[in-house]
């Protein structure tokens, strides 16, 4: 049996908004129902706008 992997891949170039929260929650629930996993992939390729502070805030916000 193949383990399904769902992902949430925000860019840490600002604070999370309601759309991010909805996407993360939806993917987490689909992964749980499918017996799969949720992968958090930080899209930090925009080096001019992505900051460690935004990344830390993103991780804190997802703790709920």
C-alpha atoms as a PDB file:
ATOM      1  CA  UNK A   1       0.000   0.000   0.000  1.00  0.00           C
ATOM      2  CA  UNK A   2       1.284   3.454  -0.914  1.00  0.00           C
ATOM      3  CA  UNK A   3       1.491   6.075   1.839  1.00  0.00           C
ATOM      4  CA  UNK A   4      -0.246   9.214   0.585  1.00  0.00           C
ATOM      5  CA  UNK A   5       1.607  12.441   1.239  1.00  0.00           C
ATOM      6  CA  UNK A   6      -0.174  15.775   1.393  1.00  0.00           C
ATOM      7  CA  UNK A   7       1.767  19.017   1.574  1.00  0.00           C
ATOM      8  CA  UNK A   8       1.531  22.548   2.790  1.00  0.00           C
ATOM      9  CA  UNK A   9       4.225  24.739   1.236  1.00  0.00           C
ATOM     10  CA  UNK A  10       3.989  28.396   2.226  1.00  0.00           C
ATOM     11  CA  UNK A  11       6.667  30.994   1.582  1.00  0.00           C
ATOM     12  CA  UNK A  12       7.910  32.677   4.768  1.00  0.00           C
ATOM     13  CA  UNK A  13       7.631  36.168   3.273  1.00  0.00           C
ATOM     14  CA  UNK A  14       4.843  37.413   5.529  1.00  0.00           C
ATOM     15  CA  UNK A  15       2.360  36.311   8.141  1.00  0.00           C
ATOM     16  CA  UNK A  16      -0.040  33.450   7.539  1.00  0.00           C
ATOM     17  CA  UNK A  17      -3.581  34.447   6.623  1.00  0.00           C
ATOM     18  CA  UNK A  18      -6.935  32.692   6.722  1.00  0.00           C
ATOM     19  CA  UNK A  19      -6.366  31.056   3.325  1.00  0.00           C
ATOM     20  CA  UNK A  20      -3.132  29.499   4.584  1.00  0.00           C
ATOM     21  CA  UNK A  21      -4.861  28.208   7.710  1.00  0.00           C
ATOM     22  CA  UNK A  22      -7.676  26.689   5.662  1.00  0.00           C
ATOM     23  CA  UNK A  23      -5.240  25.003   3.274  1.00  0.00           C
ATOM     24  CA  UNK A  24      -3.124  23.588   6.112  1.00  0.00           C
ATOM     25  CA  UNK A  25      -6.188  22.314   7.995  1.00  0.00           C
ATOM     26  CA  UNK A  26      -7.765  20.780   4.886  1.00  0.00           C
ATOM     27  CA  UNK A  27      -4.555  18.978   3.939  1.00  0.00           C
ATOM     28  CA  UNK A  28      -4.042  17.734   7.509  1.00  0.00           C
ATOM     29  CA  UNK A  29      -7.572  16.322   7.637  1.00  0.00           C
ATOM     30  CA  UNK A  30      -7.271  14.659   4.228  1.00  0.00           C
ATOM     31  CA  UNK A  31      -3.963  13.097   5.266  1.00  0.00           C
ATOM     32  CA  UNK A  32      -5.490  11.785   8.502  1.00  0.00           C
ATOM     33  CA  UNK A  33      -8.514  10.311   6.720  1.00  0.00           C
ATOM     34  CA  UNK A  34      -6.345   8.646   4.085  1.00  0.00           C
ATOM     35  CA  UNK A  35      -3.915   7.245   6.652  1.00  0.00           C
ATOM     36  CA  UNK A  36      -1.222   9.374   5.060  1.00  0.00           C
ATOM     37  CA  UNK A  37       1.036  12.152   6.227  1.00  0.00           C
ATOM     38  CA  UNK A  38       1.265  15.919   5.982  1.00  0.00           C
ATOM     39  CA  UNK A  39       4.550  17.391   4.811  1.00  0.00           C
ATOM     40  CA  UNK A  40       5.443  20.992   5.632  1.00  0.00           C
ATOM     41  CA  UNK A  41       7.777  22.318   2.968  1.00  0.00           C
ATOM     42  CA  UNK A  42       9.133  25.815   3.486  1.00  0.00           C
ATOM     43  CA  UNK A  43       9.421  27.603   0.124  1.00  0.00           C
ATOM     44  CA  UNK A  44      12.325  29.919   0.907  1.00  0.00           C
ATOM     45  CA  UNK A  45      13.607  30.559  -2.612  1.00  0.00           C
ATOM     46  CA  UNK A  46      12.657  34.253  -2.518  1.00  0.00           C
ATOM     47  CA  UNK A  47      15.722  35.373  -0.577  1.00  0.00           C
ATOM     48  CA  UNK A  48      14.811  39.057  -0.710  1.00  0.00           C
ATOM     49  CA  UNK A  49      11.481  38.672   1.130  1.00  0.00           C
ATOM     50  CA  UNK A  50      11.781  35.417   3.110  1.00  0.00           C
ATOM     51  CA  UNK A  51      13.133  35.898   6.608  1.00  0.00           C
ATOM     52  CA  UNK A  52      13.903  33.631   9.572  1.00  0.00           C
ATOM     53  CA  UNK A  53      11.434  35.693  11.630  1.00  0.00           C
ATOM     54  CA  UNK A  54       8.574  34.936   9.234  1.00  0.00           C
ATOM     55  CA  UNK A  55       9.566  31.255   9.178  1.00  0.00           C
ATOM     56  CA  UNK A  56       9.525  31.090  12.991  1.00  0.00           C
ATOM     57  CA  UNK A  57       6.147  32.847  13.038  1.00  0.00           C
ATOM     58  CA  UNK A  58       4.789  30.404  10.475  1.00  0.00           C
ATOM     59  CA  UNK A  59       5.810  27.443  12.643  1.00  0.00           C
ATOM     60  CA  UNK A  60       4.295  29.059  15.760  1.00  0.00           C
ATOM     61  CA  UNK A  61       1.033  29.758  13.940  1.00  0.00           C
ATOM     62  CA  UNK A  62       0.741  26.138  12.798  1.00  0.00           C
ATOM     63  CA  UNK A  63       0.986  24.764  16.349  1.00  0.00           C
ATOM     64  CA  UNK A  64      -2.792  25.041  16.771  1.00  0.00           C
END
